[in-house]
Amino acid sequence: MQYNVHEAKSQLSALIAKAEAGEEVIIARANAPAVRLVPIEPPKQGRVLGEAKGLVSIAEDFDTLPDDFMEHFE
């Protein structure tokens, strides 16, 4: 919905609530759309160190290369 600057000044709290509820709020100057009021996305939760502990295992020979491995790079 579109509101002029004067309406937006007097109803700012209500317009913020509408934007937070998902309604499109546009503020116009001289009947020309100027800005869109949108809610701020909550910050994404960061990764937690050690959250995969015990879920991954590495074979004891993971870094053992076959005898002919280097031949492929010469």
N, C-alpha and C. Protein backbone atom coordinates (compact mmCIF):
# COMPACT_ATOMS: atom_id res chain seq x y z
N MET A 1 0.85 -1.17 0.00
CA MET A 1 0.00 0.00 0.00
C MET A 1 0.90 1.24 0.00
N GLN A 2 0.42 2.30 -0.58
CA GLN A 2 1.22 3.53 -0.70
C GLN A 2 0.68 4.61 0.24
N TYR A 3 1.62 5.28 0.90
CA TYR A 3 1.28 6.37 1.83
C TYR A 3 2.14 7.57 1.48
N ASN A 4 1.59 8.77 1.66
CA ASN A 4 2.41 9.95 1.42
C ASN A 4 3.26 10.23 2.65
N VAL A 5 4.22 11.11 2.53
CA VAL A 5 5.17 11.38 3.60
C VAL A 5 4.45 11.85 4.86
N HIS A 6 3.48 12.71 4.73
CA HIS A 6 2.76 13.23 5.89
C HIS A 6 2.07 12.08 6.64
N GLU A 7 1.40 11.19 5.91
CA GLU A 7 0.76 10.03 6.55
C GLU A 7 1.80 9.14 7.23
N ALA A 8 2.92 8.95 6.57
CA ALA A 8 3.95 8.09 7.12
C ALA A 8 4.50 8.65 8.42
N LYS A 9 4.66 9.98 8.47
CA LYS A 9 5.15 10.60 9.70
C LYS A 9 4.19 10.36 10.86
N SER A 10 2.93 10.49 10.60
CA SER A 10 1.95 10.38 11.69
C SER A 10 1.59 8.93 12.02
N GLN A 11 1.90 7.99 11.14
CA GLN A 11 1.53 6.59 11.36
C GLN A 11 2.74 5.65 11.29
N LEU A 12 3.91 6.15 11.61
CA LEU A 12 5.12 5.36 11.42
C LEU A 12 5.08 4.02 12.15
N SER A 13 4.66 4.00 13.40
CA SER A 13 4.62 2.74 14.16
C SER A 13 3.70 1.73 13.49
N ALA A 14 2.56 2.17 13.03
CA ALA A 14 1.61 1.27 12.36
C ALA A 14 2.18 0.77 11.03
N LEU A 15 2.88 1.63 10.31
CA LEU A 15 3.47 1.22 9.03
C LEU A 15 4.60 0.22 9.24
N ILE A 16 5.37 0.41 10.30
CA ILE A 16 6.42 -0.56 10.62
C ILE A 16 5.80 -1.91 10.92
N ALA A 17 4.73 -1.93 11.69
CA ALA A 17 4.04 -3.18 12.01
C ALA A 17 3.52 -3.87 10.75
N LYS A 18 2.98 -3.08 9.83
CA LYS A 18 2.48 -3.65 8.58
C LYS A 18 3.61 -4.27 7.77
N ALA A 19 4.75 -3.57 7.69
CA ALA A 19 5.90 -4.10 6.94
C ALA A 19 6.42 -5.38 7.59
N GLU A 20 6.48 -5.40 8.92
CA GLU A 20 6.93 -6.60 9.62
C GLU A 20 5.99 -7.78 9.40
N ALA A 21 4.71 -7.48 9.18
CA ALA A 21 3.72 -8.53 8.94
C ALA A 21 3.73 -9.00 7.49
N GLY A 22 4.57 -8.39 6.65
CA GLY A 22 4.70 -8.84 5.27
C GLY A 22 3.99 -7.96 4.25
N GLU A 23 3.32 -6.93 4.69
CA GLU A 23 2.63 -6.05 3.75
C GLU A 23 3.63 -5.11 3.08
N GLU A 24 3.44 -4.85 1.81
CA GLU A 24 4.30 -3.92 1.10
C GLU A 24 3.88 -2.49 1.48
N VAL A 25 4.84 -1.73 2.01
CA VAL A 25 4.57 -0.35 2.41
C VAL A 25 5.48 0.56 1.59
N ILE A 26 4.86 1.41 0.79
CA ILE A 26 5.59 2.35 -0.06
C ILE A 26 5.28 3.76 0.41
N ILE A 27 6.32 4.56 0.56
CA ILE A 27 6.14 5.97 0.95
C ILE A 27 6.42 6.82 -0.27
N ALA A 28 5.46 7.70 -0.56
CA ALA A 28 5.53 8.51 -1.77
C ALA A 28 5.71 9.99 -1.42
N ARG A 29 6.39 10.67 -2.31
CA ARG A 29 6.53 12.12 -2.21
C ARG A 29 5.89 12.71 -3.46
N ALA A 30 4.91 13.58 -3.28
CA ALA A 30 4.17 14.19 -4.39
C ALA A 30 3.55 13.10 -5.29
N ASN A 31 2.98 12.09 -4.65
CA ASN A 31 2.33 10.96 -5.32
C ASN A 31 3.25 10.10 -6.18
N ALA A 32 4.55 10.29 -6.03
CA ALA A 32 5.52 9.45 -6.75
C ALA A 32 6.22 8.56 -5.73
N PRO A 33 6.19 7.25 -5.91
CA PRO A 33 6.84 6.35 -4.95
C PRO A 33 8.30 6.74 -4.75
N ALA A 34 8.71 6.84 -3.48
CA ALA A 34 10.08 7.25 -3.16
C ALA A 34 10.87 6.13 -2.48
N VAL A 35 10.24 5.47 -1.51
CA VAL A 35 10.95 4.41 -0.78
C VAL A 35 9.98 3.28 -0.44
N ARG A 36 10.58 2.12 -0.18
CA ARG A 36 9.79 0.95 0.25
C ARG A 36 10.25 0.59 1.65
N LEU A 37 9.32 0.40 2.56
CA LEU A 37 9.62 0.02 3.93
C LEU A 37 9.59 -1.50 4.01
N VAL A 38 10.73 -2.10 4.39
CA VAL A 38 10.82 -3.56 4.47
C VAL A 38 11.46 -3.95 5.79
N PRO A 39 11.10 -5.11 6.33
CA PRO A 39 11.73 -5.54 7.58
C PRO A 39 13.16 -6.01 7.34
N ILE A 40 13.96 -5.94 8.38
CA ILE A 40 15.34 -6.42 8.31
C ILE A 40 15.33 -7.91 8.61
N GLU A 41 16.06 -8.68 7.79
CA GLU A 41 16.17 -10.12 8.00
C GLU A 41 16.98 -10.37 9.26
N PRO A 42 16.54 -11.32 10.10
CA PRO A 42 17.35 -11.63 11.28
C PRO A 42 18.69 -12.22 10.86
N PRO A 43 19.74 -11.96 11.63
CA PRO A 43 21.05 -12.50 11.25
C PRO A 43 21.03 -14.02 11.26
N LYS A 44 21.76 -14.61 10.32
CA LYS A 44 21.85 -16.06 10.26
C LYS A 44 22.74 -16.55 11.40
N GLN A 45 22.36 -17.70 11.96
CA GLN A 45 23.14 -18.26 13.04
C GLN A 45 24.46 -18.78 12.51
N GLY A 46 25.53 -18.42 13.19
CA GLY A 46 26.85 -18.85 12.77
C GLY A 46 27.08 -20.33 13.05
N ARG A 47 28.14 -20.84 12.49
CA ARG A 47 28.49 -22.24 12.71
C ARG A 47 29.05 -22.42 14.12
N VAL A 48 28.82 -23.59 14.67
CA VAL A 48 29.32 -23.93 15.99
C VAL A 48 30.49 -24.89 15.83
N LEU A 49 31.63 -24.52 16.42
CA LEU A 49 32.80 -25.38 16.32
C LEU A 49 32.52 -26.72 16.99
N GLY A 50 32.90 -27.78 16.31
CA GLY A 50 32.74 -29.11 16.87
C GLY A 50 31.37 -29.74 16.68
N GLU A 51 30.49 -29.09 15.93
CA GLU A 51 29.13 -29.64 15.77
C GLU A 51 29.09 -30.95 15.00
N ALA A 52 30.15 -31.25 14.24
CA ALA A 52 30.20 -32.51 13.48
C ALA A 52 31.11 -33.54 14.15
N LYS A 53 31.52 -33.25 15.39
CA LYS A 53 32.43 -34.16 16.08
C LYS A 53 31.80 -35.55 16.18
N GLY A 54 32.56 -36.55 15.79
CA GLY A 54 32.08 -37.91 15.85
C GLY A 54 31.34 -38.36 14.60
N LEU A 55 31.05 -37.45 13.68
CA LEU A 55 30.33 -37.80 12.46
C LEU A 55 31.26 -38.12 11.29
N VAL A 56 32.52 -37.73 11.42
CA VAL A 56 33.47 -37.91 10.34
C VAL A 56 34.62 -38.79 10.83
N SER A 57 35.02 -39.73 9.99
CA SER A 57 36.20 -40.53 10.34
C SER A 57 37.13 -40.56 9.14
N ILE A 58 38.42 -40.62 9.44
CA ILE A 58 39.42 -40.62 8.39
C ILE A 58 40.19 -41.94 8.48
N ALA A 59 40.29 -42.62 7.36
CA ALA A 59 41.01 -43.89 7.34
C ALA A 59 42.47 -43.65 7.69
N GLU A 60 43.08 -44.60 8.35
CA GLU A 60 44.48 -44.44 8.77
C GLU A 60 45.43 -44.32 7.58
N ASP A 61 45.06 -44.87 6.44
CA ASP A 61 45.94 -44.82 5.27
C ASP A 61 45.49 -43.77 4.25
N PHE A 62 44.77 -42.74 4.70
CA PHE A 62 44.23 -41.75 3.75
C PHE A 62 45.31 -41.03 2.96
N ASP A 63 46.50 -40.89 3.51
CA ASP A 63 47.56 -40.17 2.79
C ASP A 63 48.61 -41.10 2.17
N THR A 64 48.32 -42.38 2.11
CA THR A 64 49.22 -43.33 1.49
C THR A 64 48.95 -43.36 -0.01
N LEU A 65 50.00 -43.17 -0.78
CA LEU A 65 49.86 -43.14 -2.24
C LEU A 65 50.37 -44.44 -2.84
N PRO A 66 49.77 -44.88 -3.94
CA PRO A 66 50.28 -46.08 -4.61
C PRO A 66 51.69 -45.82 -5.15
N ASP A 67 52.46 -46.86 -5.32
CA ASP A 67 53.85 -46.72 -5.77
C ASP A 67 53.95 -46.03 -7.14
N ASP A 68 53.00 -46.27 -8.02
CA ASP A 68 53.07 -45.69 -9.37
C ASP A 68 52.35 -44.34 -9.49
N PHE A 69 51.99 -43.75 -8.40
CA PHE A 69 51.21 -42.50 -8.42
C PHE A 69 51.93 -41.37 -9.15
N MET A 70 53.17 -41.14 -8.86
CA MET A 70 53.92 -40.02 -9.45
C MET A 70 54.13 -40.20 -10.96
N GLU A 71 54.05 -41.38 -11.46
CA GLU A 71 54.22 -41.61 -12.90
C GLU A 71 53.16 -40.85 -13.71
N HIS A 72 52.00 -40.62 -13.14
CA HIS A 72 50.92 -39.92 -13.83
C HIS A 72 51.17 -38.42 -13.97
N PHE A 73 52.16 -37.90 -13.26
CA PHE A 73 52.43 -36.47 -13.27
C PHE A 73 53.74 -36.11 -13.98
N GLU A 74 54.38 -37.08 -14.53
CA GLU A 74 55.66 -36.80 -15.20
C GLU A 74 55.49 -36.65 -16.68
